[in-house]
Amino acid sequence: MDGITHLDEKVILKDEIRQDELQKLGVNFLRFDALLVVNKVEAIVKEIENWILEYEEKNGVSKYVLEKRIKTGNSKSGKKNDPPLRMFPL
């Protein structure tokens, strides 16, 4: 979540360097403007959910996550005709 301070050139450069280092370690980033999060939180949640579903469609779902979803009754994304989720070992 980026607020107004992230518009400063020095902060932008620091953010880029930090993000590059973390991405090399396998961390993924979704960046959102702070005001958008405050004013449109439902849209942000939906965007995060869509990112997760797309990621899982490409990479599979860990056995642990799949088991948790089954226990809570959330084994599917909620969309009709979704392909079965592929599992990958932890």
PDB file of N, CA and C in Angstrom:
ATOM      1  N   MET A   1       0.860  -1.157   0.000  1.00  0.00           N
ATOM      2  CA  MET A   1       0.000   0.000   0.000  1.00  0.00           C
ATOM      3  C   MET A   1       0.907   1.220   0.000  1.00  0.00           C
ATOM      4  N   ASP A   2       0.763   2.025  -1.013  1.00  0.00           N
ATOM      5  CA  ASP A   2       1.615   3.194  -1.161  1.00  0.00           C
ATOM      6  C   ASP A   2       0.818   4.470  -0.928  1.00  0.00           C
ATOM      7  N   GLY A   3       1.304   5.272   0.005  1.00  0.00           N
ATOM      8  CA  GLY A   3       0.693   6.568   0.275  1.00  0.00           C
ATOM      9  C   GLY A   3       1.415   7.659  -0.482  1.00  0.00           C
ATOM     10  N   ILE A   4       1.102   8.878  -0.141  1.00  0.00           N
ATOM     11  CA  ILE A   4       1.634  10.043  -0.841  1.00  0.00           C
ATOM     12  C   ILE A   4       3.162  10.125  -0.762  1.00  0.00           C
ATOM     13  N   THR A   5       3.758   9.603   0.316  1.00  0.00           N
ATOM     14  CA  THR A   5       5.217   9.662   0.443  1.00  0.00           C
ATOM     15  C   THR A   5       5.917   8.858  -0.647  1.00  0.00           C
ATOM     16  N   HIS A   6       5.210   7.912  -1.247  1.00  0.00           N
ATOM     17  CA  HIS A   6       5.796   7.074  -2.295  1.00  0.00           C
ATOM     18  C   HIS A   6       5.829   7.780  -3.648  1.00  0.00           C
ATOM     19  N   LEU A   7       5.423   9.029  -3.698  1.00  0.00           N
ATOM     20  CA  LEU A   7       5.501   9.806  -4.936  1.00  0.00           C
ATOM     21  C   LEU A   7       6.830  10.551  -5.045  1.00  0.00           C
ATOM     22  N   ASP A   8       7.568  10.626  -3.965  1.00  0.00           N
ATOM     23  CA  ASP A   8       8.871  11.288  -3.944  1.00  0.00           C
ATOM     24  C   ASP A   8       9.881  10.448  -4.734  1.00  0.00           C
ATOM     25  N   GLU A   9      10.720  11.103  -5.537  1.00  0.00           N
ATOM     26  CA  GLU A   9      11.675  10.392  -6.394  1.00  0.00           C
ATOM     27  C   GLU A   9      12.630   9.503  -5.606  1.00  0.00           C
ATOM     28  N   LYS A  10      13.109   9.977  -4.469  1.00  0.00           N
ATOM     29  CA  LYS A  10      14.027   9.185  -3.648  1.00  0.00           C
ATOM     30  C   LYS A  10      13.333   7.937  -3.098  1.00  0.00           C
ATOM     31  N   VAL A  11      12.098   8.107  -2.678  1.00  0.00           N
ATOM     32  CA  VAL A  11      11.337   6.977  -2.135  1.00  0.00           C
ATOM     33  C   VAL A  11      11.033   5.973  -3.244  1.00  0.00           C
ATOM     34  N   ILE A  12      10.690   6.477  -4.421  1.00  0.00           N
ATOM     35  CA  ILE A  12      10.420   5.590  -5.560  1.00  0.00           C
ATOM     36  C   ILE A  12      11.648   4.731  -5.853  1.00  0.00           C
ATOM     37  N   LEU A  13      12.821   5.341  -5.871  1.00  0.00           N
ATOM     38  CA  LEU A  13      14.054   4.610  -6.139  1.00  0.00           C
ATOM     39  C   LEU A  13      14.311   3.563  -5.053  1.00  0.00           C
ATOM     40  N   LYS A  14      14.155   3.940  -3.777  1.00  0.00           N
ATOM     41  CA  LYS A  14      14.330   2.982  -2.678  1.00  0.00           C
ATOM     42  C   LYS A  14      13.343   1.829  -2.791  1.00  0.00           C
ATOM     43  N   ASP A  15      12.086   2.160  -3.125  1.00  0.00           N
ATOM     44  CA  ASP A  15      11.055   1.123  -3.284  1.00  0.00           C
ATOM     45  C   ASP A  15      11.446   0.135  -4.386  1.00  0.00           C
ATOM     46  N   GLU A  16      11.922   0.669  -5.509  1.00  0.00           N
ATOM     47  CA  GLU A  16      12.299  -0.190  -6.641  1.00  0.00           C
ATOM     48  C   GLU A  16      13.442  -1.119  -6.270  1.00  0.00           C
ATOM     49  N   ILE A  17      14.455  -0.586  -5.586  1.00  0.00           N
ATOM     50  CA  ILE A  17      15.603  -1.400  -5.179  1.00  0.00           C
ATOM     51  C   ILE A  17      15.158  -2.488  -4.205  1.00  0.00           C
ATOM     52  N   ARG A  18      14.379  -2.110  -3.189  1.00  0.00           N
ATOM     53  CA  ARG A  18      13.894  -3.078  -2.197  1.00  0.00           C
ATOM     54  C   ARG A  18      13.017  -4.141  -2.863  1.00  0.00           C
ATOM     55  N   GLN A  19      12.129  -3.703  -3.747  1.00  0.00           N
ATOM     56  CA  GLN A  19      11.243  -4.653  -4.417  1.00  0.00           C
ATOM     57  C   GLN A  19      12.039  -5.613  -5.294  1.00  0.00           C
ATOM     58  N   ASP A  20      13.028  -5.115  -6.041  1.00  0.00           N
ATOM     59  CA  ASP A  20      13.858  -5.993  -6.871  1.00  0.00           C
ATOM     60  C   ASP A  20      14.554  -7.059  -6.022  1.00  0.00           C
ATOM     61  N   GLU A  21      15.097  -6.639  -4.874  1.00  0.00           N
ATOM     62  CA  GLU A  21      15.789  -7.590  -3.998  1.00  0.00           C
ATOM     63  C   GLU A  21      14.835  -8.661  -3.473  1.00  0.00           C
ATOM     64  N   LEU A  22      13.658  -8.253  -3.081  1.00  0.00           N
ATOM     65  CA  LEU A  22      12.677  -9.211  -2.560  1.00  0.00           C
ATOM     66  C   LEU A  22      12.132 -10.125  -3.655  1.00  0.00           C
ATOM     67  N   GLN A  23      11.943  -9.591  -4.852  1.00  0.00           N
ATOM     68  CA  GLN A  23      11.454 -10.417  -5.952  1.00  0.00           C
ATOM     69  C   GLN A  23      12.458 -11.509  -6.313  1.00  0.00           C
ATOM     70  N   LYS A  24      13.753 -11.215  -6.172  1.00  0.00           N
ATOM     71  CA  LYS A  24      14.785 -12.225  -6.420  1.00  0.00           C
ATOM     72  C   LYS A  24      14.663 -13.383  -5.441  1.00  0.00           C
ATOM     73  N   LEU A  25      14.064 -13.125  -4.281  1.00  0.00           N
ATOM     74  CA  LEU A  25      13.842 -14.165  -3.274  1.00  0.00           C
ATOM     75  C   LEU A  25      12.493 -14.870  -3.454  1.00  0.00           C
ATOM     76  N   GLY A  26      11.740 -14.473  -4.484  1.00  0.00           N
ATOM     77  CA  GLY A  26      10.465 -15.124  -4.772  1.00  0.00           C
ATOM     78  C   GLY A  26       9.239 -14.431  -4.216  1.00  0.00           C
ATOM     79  N   VAL A  27       9.400 -13.214  -3.704  1.00  0.00           N
ATOM     80  CA  VAL A  27       8.266 -12.467  -3.163  1.00  0.00           C
ATOM     81  C   VAL A  27       7.544 -11.757  -4.308  1.00  0.00           C
ATOM     82  N   ASN A  28       6.241 -11.875  -4.335  1.00  0.00           N
ATOM     83  CA  ASN A  28       5.427 -11.181  -5.333  1.00  0.00           C
ATOM     84  C   ASN A  28       4.834  -9.917  -4.734  1.00  0.00           C
ATOM     85  N   PHE A  29       4.639  -8.917  -5.567  1.00  0.00           N
ATOM     86  CA  PHE A  29       4.111  -7.636  -5.105  1.00  0.00           C
ATOM     87  C   PHE A  29       2.826  -7.273  -5.841  1.00  0.00           C
ATOM     88  N   LEU A  30       1.883  -6.782  -5.086  1.00  0.00           N
ATOM     89  CA  LEU A  30       0.698  -6.113  -5.618  1.00  0.00           C
ATOM     90  C   LEU A  30       0.696  -4.756  -4.929  1.00  0.00           C
ATOM     91  N   ARG A  31       0.807  -3.699  -5.691  1.00  0.00           N
ATOM     92  CA  ARG A  31       0.885  -2.358  -5.099  1.00  0.00           C
ATOM     93  C   ARG A  31      -0.443  -1.643  -5.297  1.00  0.00           C
ATOM     94  N   PHE A  32      -0.900  -1.004  -4.222  1.00  0.00           N
ATOM     95  CA  PHE A  32      -2.161  -0.267  -4.264  1.00  0.00           C
ATOM     96  C   PHE A  32      -1.972   1.098  -3.628  1.00  0.00           C
ATOM     97  N   ASP A  33      -2.629   2.074  -4.178  1.00  0.00           N
ATOM     98  CA  ASP A  33      -2.634   3.410  -3.614  1.00  0.00           C
ATOM     99  C   ASP A  33      -3.428   3.381  -2.312  1.00  0.00           C
ATOM    100  N   ALA A  34      -2.895   4.030  -1.275  1.00  0.00           N
ATOM    101  CA  ALA A  34      -3.524   4.016   0.047  1.00  0.00           C
ATOM    102  C   ALA A  34      -4.956   4.536   0.021  1.00  0.00           C
ATOM    103  N   LEU A  35      -5.198   5.602  -0.723  1.00  0.00           N
ATOM    104  CA  LEU A  35      -6.557   6.157  -0.786  1.00  0.00           C
ATOM    105  C   LEU A  35      -7.519   5.201  -1.464  1.00  0.00           C
ATOM    106  N   LEU A  36      -7.036   4.466  -2.450  1.00  0.00           N
ATOM    107  CA  LEU A  36      -7.882   3.482  -3.116  1.00  0.00           C
ATOM    108  C   LEU A  36      -8.252   2.364  -2.139  1.00  0.00           C
ATOM    109  N   VAL A  37      -7.307   1.960  -1.323  1.00  0.00           N
ATOM    110  CA  VAL A  37      -7.582   0.925  -0.323  1.00  0.00           C
ATOM    111  C   VAL A  37      -8.637   1.412   0.667  1.00  0.00           C
ATOM    112  N   VAL A  38      -8.520   2.646   1.097  1.00  0.00           N
ATOM    113  CA  VAL A  38      -9.474   3.205   2.061  1.00  0.00           C
ATOM    114  C   VAL A  38     -10.857   3.365   1.442  1.00  0.00           C
ATOM    115  N   ASN A  39     -10.908   3.848   0.210  1.00  0.00           N
ATOM    116  CA  ASN A  39     -12.189   4.188  -0.411  1.00  0.00           C
ATOM    117  C   ASN A  39     -12.836   3.069  -1.220  1.00  0.00           C
ATOM    118  N   LYS A  40     -12.055   2.096  -1.647  1.00  0.00           N
ATOM    119  CA  LYS A  40     -12.578   1.022  -2.504  1.00  0.00           C
ATOM    120  C   LYS A  40     -12.054  -0.334  -2.053  1.00  0.00           C
ATOM    121  N   VAL A  41     -12.128  -0.606  -0.769  1.00  0.00           N
ATOM    122  CA  VAL A  41     -11.526  -1.818  -0.225  1.00  0.00           C
ATOM    123  C   VAL A  41     -12.091  -3.085  -0.874  1.00  0.00           C
ATOM    124  N   GLU A  42     -13.370  -3.098  -1.215  1.00  0.00           N
ATOM    125  CA  GLU A  42     -13.961  -4.284  -1.842  1.00  0.00           C
ATOM    126  C   GLU A  42     -13.310  -4.569  -3.189  1.00  0.00           C
ATOM    127  N   ALA A  43     -13.016  -3.521  -3.949  1.00  0.00           N
ATOM    128  CA  ALA A  43     -12.360  -3.690  -5.249  1.00  0.00           C
ATOM    129  C   ALA A  43     -10.934  -4.214  -5.072  1.00  0.00           C
ATOM    130  N   ILE A  44     -10.258  -3.748  -4.037  1.00  0.00           N
ATOM    131  CA  ILE A  44      -8.899  -4.212  -3.760  1.00  0.00           C
ATOM    132  C   ILE A  44      -8.919  -5.683  -3.378  1.00  0.00           C
ATOM    133  N   VAL A  45      -9.844  -6.062  -2.523  1.00  0.00           N
ATOM    134  CA  VAL A  45      -9.960  -7.462  -2.105  1.00  0.00           C
ATOM    135  C   VAL A  45     -10.228  -8.342  -3.319  1.00  0.00           C
ATOM    136  N   LYS A  46     -11.108  -7.905  -4.201  1.00  0.00           N
ATOM    137  CA  LYS A  46     -11.430  -8.669  -5.405  1.00  0.00           C
ATOM    138  C   LYS A  46     -10.200  -8.804  -6.308  1.00  0.00           C
ATOM    139  N   GLU A  47      -9.426  -7.734  -6.440  1.00  0.00           N
ATOM    140  CA  GLU A  47      -8.222  -7.790  -7.264  1.00  0.00           C
ATOM    141  C   GLU A  47      -7.205  -8.767  -6.673  1.00  0.00           C
ATOM    142  N   ILE A  48      -7.062  -8.759  -5.351  1.00  0.00           N
ATOM    143  CA  ILE A  48      -6.151  -9.700  -4.693  1.00  0.00           C
ATOM    144  C   ILE A  48      -6.648 -11.129  -4.890  1.00  0.00           C
ATOM    145  N   GLU A  49      -7.946 -11.327  -4.724  1.00  0.00           N
ATOM    146  CA  GLU A  49      -8.523 -12.661  -4.919  1.00  0.00           C
ATOM    147  C   GLU A  49      -8.273 -13.156  -6.340  1.00  0.00           C
ATOM    148  N   ASN A  50      -8.489 -12.286  -7.328  1.00  0.00           N
ATOM    149  CA  ASN A  50      -8.260 -12.671  -8.725  1.00  0.00           C
ATOM    150  C   ASN A  50      -6.799 -13.011  -8.970  1.00  0.00           C
ATOM    151  N   TRP A  51      -5.881 -12.250  -8.349  1.00  0.00           N
ATOM    152  CA  TRP A  51      -4.461 -12.532  -8.510  1.00  0.00           C
ATOM    153  C   TRP A  51      -4.127 -13.913  -7.942  1.00  0.00           C
ATOM    154  N   ILE A  52      -4.675 -14.224  -6.775  1.00  0.00           N
ATOM    155  CA  ILE A  52      -4.420 -15.516  -6.144  1.00  0.00           C
ATOM    156  C   ILE A  52      -4.940 -16.653  -7.023  1.00  0.00           C
ATOM    157  N   LEU A  53      -6.154 -16.506  -7.521  1.00  0.00           N
ATOM    158  CA  LEU A  53      -6.736 -17.554  -8.361  1.00  0.00           C
ATOM    159  C   LEU A  53      -5.925 -17.763  -9.637  1.00  0.00           C
ATOM    160  N   GLU A  54      -5.478 -16.676 -10.244  1.00  0.00           N
ATOM    161  CA  GLU A  54      -4.656 -16.773 -11.452  1.00  0.00           C
ATOM    162  C   GLU A  54      -3.314 -17.445 -11.135  1.00  0.00           C
ATOM    163  N   TYR A  55      -2.717 -17.061 -10.016  1.00  0.00           N
ATOM    164  CA  TYR A  55      -1.453 -17.666  -9.595  1.00  0.00           C
ATOM    165  C   TYR A  55      -1.633 -19.174  -9.380  1.00  0.00           C
ATOM    166  N   GLU A  56      -2.696 -19.540  -8.676  1.00  0.00           N
ATOM    167  CA  GLU A  56      -2.942 -20.950  -8.381  1.00  0.00           C
ATOM    168  C   GLU A  56      -3.250 -21.742  -9.642  1.00  0.00           C
ATOM    169  N   GLU A  57      -3.919 -21.116 -10.595  1.00  0.00           N
ATOM    170  CA  GLU A  57      -4.221 -21.794 -11.850  1.00  0.00           C
ATOM    171  C   GLU A  57      -2.922 -22.136 -12.583  1.00  0.00           C
ATOM    172  N   LYS A  58      -1.943 -21.258 -12.498  1.00  0.00           N
ATOM    173  CA  LYS A  58      -0.660 -21.481 -13.172  1.00  0.00           C
ATOM    174  C   LYS A  58       0.259 -22.397 -12.375  1.00  0.00           C
ATOM    175  N   ASN A  59       0.243 -22.292 -11.038  1.00  0.00           N
ATOM    176  CA  ASN A  59       1.237 -22.942 -10.192  1.00  0.00           C
ATOM    177  C   ASN A  59       0.708 -24.048  -9.292  1.00  0.00           C
ATOM    178  N   GLY A  60      -0.589 -24.191  -9.218  1.00  0.00           N
ATOM    179  CA  GLY A  60      -1.154 -25.194  -8.334  1.00  0.00           C
ATOM    180  C   GLY A  60      -1.432 -24.631  -6.953  1.00  0.00           C
ATOM    181  N   VAL A  61      -1.982 -25.477  -6.103  1.00  0.00           N
ATOM    182  CA  VAL A  61      -2.361 -25.093  -4.742  1.00  0.00           C
ATOM    183  C   VAL A  61      -1.715 -26.088  -3.789  1.00  0.00           C
ATOM    184  N   SER A  62      -1.120 -25.589  -2.707  1.00  0.00           N
ATOM    185  CA  SER A  62      -0.488 -26.500  -1.758  1.00  0.00           C
ATOM    186  C   SER A  62      -1.548 -27.377  -1.095  1.00  0.00           C
ATOM    187  N   LYS A  63      -1.125 -28.560  -0.701  1.00  0.00           N
ATOM    188  CA  LYS A  63      -2.024 -29.504  -0.030  1.00  0.00           C
ATOM    189  C   LYS A  63      -2.617 -28.864   1.226  1.00  0.00           C
ATOM    190  N   TYR A  64      -1.784 -28.141   1.982  1.00  0.00           N
ATOM    191  CA  TYR A  64      -2.231 -27.480   3.214  1.00  0.00           C
ATOM    192  C   TYR A  64      -3.372 -26.498   2.932  1.00  0.00           C
ATOM    193  N   VAL A  65      -3.201 -25.648   1.926  1.00  0.00           N
ATOM    194  CA  VAL A  65      -4.222 -24.648   1.598  1.00  0.00           C
ATOM    195  C   VAL A  65      -5.497 -25.336   1.138  1.00  0.00           C
ATOM    196  N   LEU A  66      -5.348 -26.332   0.280  1.00  0.00           N
ATOM    197  CA  LEU A  66      -6.518 -27.045  -0.226  1.00  0.00           C
ATOM    198  C   LEU A  66      -7.285 -27.713   0.913  1.00  0.00           C
ATOM    199  N   GLU A  67      -6.578 -28.324   1.857  1.00  0.00           N
ATOM    200  CA  GLU A  67      -7.237 -28.961   2.999  1.00  0.00           C
ATOM    201  C   GLU A  67      -7.966 -27.932   3.860  1.00  0.00           C
ATOM    202  N   LYS A  68      -7.344 -26.761   4.069  1.00  0.00           N
ATOM    203  CA  LYS A  68      -7.993 -25.701   4.855  1.00  0.00           C
ATOM    204  C   LYS A  68      -9.267 -25.232   4.161  1.00  0.00           C
ATOM    205  N   ARG A  69      -9.202 -25.084   2.852  1.00  0.00           N
ATOM    206  CA  ARG A  69     -10.388 -24.643   2.108  1.00  0.00           C
ATOM    207  C   ARG A  69     -11.507 -25.668   2.190  1.00  0.00           C
ATOM    208  N   ILE A  70     -11.153 -26.924   2.104  1.00  0.00           N
ATOM    209  CA  ILE A  70     -12.168 -27.978   2.177  1.00  0.00           C
ATOM    210  C   ILE A  70     -12.826 -27.955   3.556  1.00  0.00           C
ATOM    211  N   LYS A  71     -12.023 -27.784   4.611  1.00  0.00           N
ATOM    212  CA  LYS A  71     -12.559 -27.736   5.973  1.00  0.00           C
ATOM    213  C   LYS A  71     -13.507 -26.557   6.176  1.00  0.00           C
ATOM    214  N   THR A  72     -13.226 -25.439   5.524  1.00  0.00           N
ATOM    215  CA  THR A  72     -14.062 -24.247   5.688  1.00  0.00           C
ATOM    216  C   THR A  72     -15.158 -24.151   4.640  1.00  0.00           C
ATOM    217  N   GLY A  73     -15.190 -25.119   3.712  1.00  0.00           N
ATOM    218  CA  GLY A  73     -16.223 -25.097   2.677  1.00  0.00           C
ATOM    219  C   GLY A  73     -15.897 -24.163   1.526  1.00  0.00           C
ATOM    220  N   ASN A  74     -14.639 -23.747   1.400  1.00  0.00           N
ATOM    221  CA  ASN A  74     -14.230 -22.849   0.322  1.00  0.00           C
ATOM    222  C   ASN A  74     -13.265 -23.530  -0.628  1.00  0.00           C
ATOM    223  N   SER A  75     -13.609 -24.732  -1.089  1.00  0.00           N
ATOM    224  CA  SER A  75     -12.687 -25.482  -1.932  1.00  0.00           C
ATOM    225  C   SER A  75     -12.647 -24.967  -3.360  1.00  0.00           C
ATOM    226  N   LYS A  76     -13.618 -24.144  -3.729  1.00  0.00           N
ATOM    227  CA  LYS A  76     -13.638 -23.580  -5.080  1.00  0.00           C
ATOM    228  C   LYS A  76     -13.550 -22.074  -4.999  1.00  0.00           C
ATOM    229  N   SER A  77     -13.290 -21.459  -6.116  1.00  0.00           N
ATOM    230  CA  SER A  77     -13.152 -20.003  -6.146  1.00  0.00           C
ATOM    231  C   SER A  77     -14.502 -19.308  -6.101  1.00  0.00           C
ATOM    232  N   GLY A  78     -15.573 -20.059  -6.273  1.00  0.00           N
ATOM    233  CA  GLY A  78     -16.888 -19.439  -6.286  1.00  0.00           C
ATOM    234  C   GLY A  78     -17.384 -19.180  -7.693  1.00  0.00           C
ATOM    235  N   LYS A  79     -16.512 -19.380  -8.670  1.00  0.00           N
ATOM    236  CA  LYS A  79     -16.908 -19.185 -10.059  1.00  0.00           C
ATOM    237  C   LYS A  79     -17.374 -20.509 -10.625  1.00  0.00           C
ATOM    238  N   LYS A  80     -18.385 -20.473 -11.456  1.00  0.00           N
ATOM    239  CA  LYS A  80     -18.901 -21.687 -12.069  1.00  0.00           C
ATOM    240  C   LYS A  80     -17.947 -22.148 -13.157  1.00  0.00           C
ATOM    241  N   ASN A  81     -17.889 -23.463 -13.342  1.00  0.00           N
ATOM    242  CA  ASN A  81     -17.094 -24.091 -14.390  1.00  0.00           C
ATOM    243  C   ASN A  81     -15.598 -23.843 -14.251  1.00  0.00           C
ATOM    244  N   ASP A  82     -15.140 -23.608 -13.040  1.00  0.00           N
ATOM    245  CA  ASP A  82     -13.695 -23.465 -12.830  1.00  0.00           C
ATOM    246  C   ASP A  82     -13.029 -24.810 -13.045  1.00  0.00           C
ATOM    247  N   PRO A  83     -11.835 -24.815 -13.626  1.00  0.00           N
ATOM    248  CA  PRO A  83     -11.114 -26.084 -13.718  1.00  0.00           C
ATOM    249  C   PRO A  83     -10.695 -26.523 -12.325  1.00  0.00           C
ATOM    250  N   PRO A  84     -10.500 -27.825 -12.115  1.00  0.00           N
ATOM    251  CA  PRO A  84     -10.055 -28.281 -10.794  1.00  0.00           C
ATOM    252  C   PRO A  84      -8.711 -27.661 -10.470  1.00  0.00           C
ATOM    253  N   LEU A  85      -8.482 -27.364  -9.194  1.00  0.00           N
ATOM    254  CA  LEU A  85      -7.223 -26.786  -8.775  1.00  0.00           C
ATOM    255  C   LEU A  85      -6.150 -27.864  -8.729  1.00  0.00           C
ATOM    256  N   ARG A  86      -4.986 -27.554  -9.240  1.00  0.00           N
ATOM    257  CA  ARG A  86      -3.854 -28.456  -9.243  1.00  0.00           C
ATOM    258  C   ARG A  86      -3.125 -28.328  -7.909  1.00  0.00           C
ATOM    259  N   MET A  87      -2.742 -29.427  -7.329  1.00  0.00           N
ATOM    260  CA  MET A  87      -2.035 -29.382  -6.049  1.00  0.00           C
ATOM    261  C   MET A  87      -0.539 -29.474  -6.297  1.00  0.00           C
ATOM    262  N   PHE A  88       0.240 -28.852  -5.422  1.00  0.00           N
ATOM    263  CA  PHE A  88       1.688 -29.058  -5.427  1.00  0.00           C
ATOM    264  C   PHE A  88       2.122 -29.312  -3.996  1.00  0.00           C
ATOM    265  N   PRO A  89       3.175 -30.105  -3.815  1.00  0.00           N
ATOM    266  CA  PRO A  89       3.604 -30.433  -2.443  1.00  0.00           C
ATOM    267  C   PRO A  89       4.241 -29.248  -1.751  1.00  0.00           C
ATOM    268  N   LEU A  90       4.127 -29.210  -0.433  1.00  0.00           N
ATOM    269  CA  LEU A  90       4.808 -28.169   0.353  1.00  0.00           C
ATOM    270  C   LEU A  90       6.252 -28.504   0.544  1.00  0.00           C
TER     271      LEU A  90
END
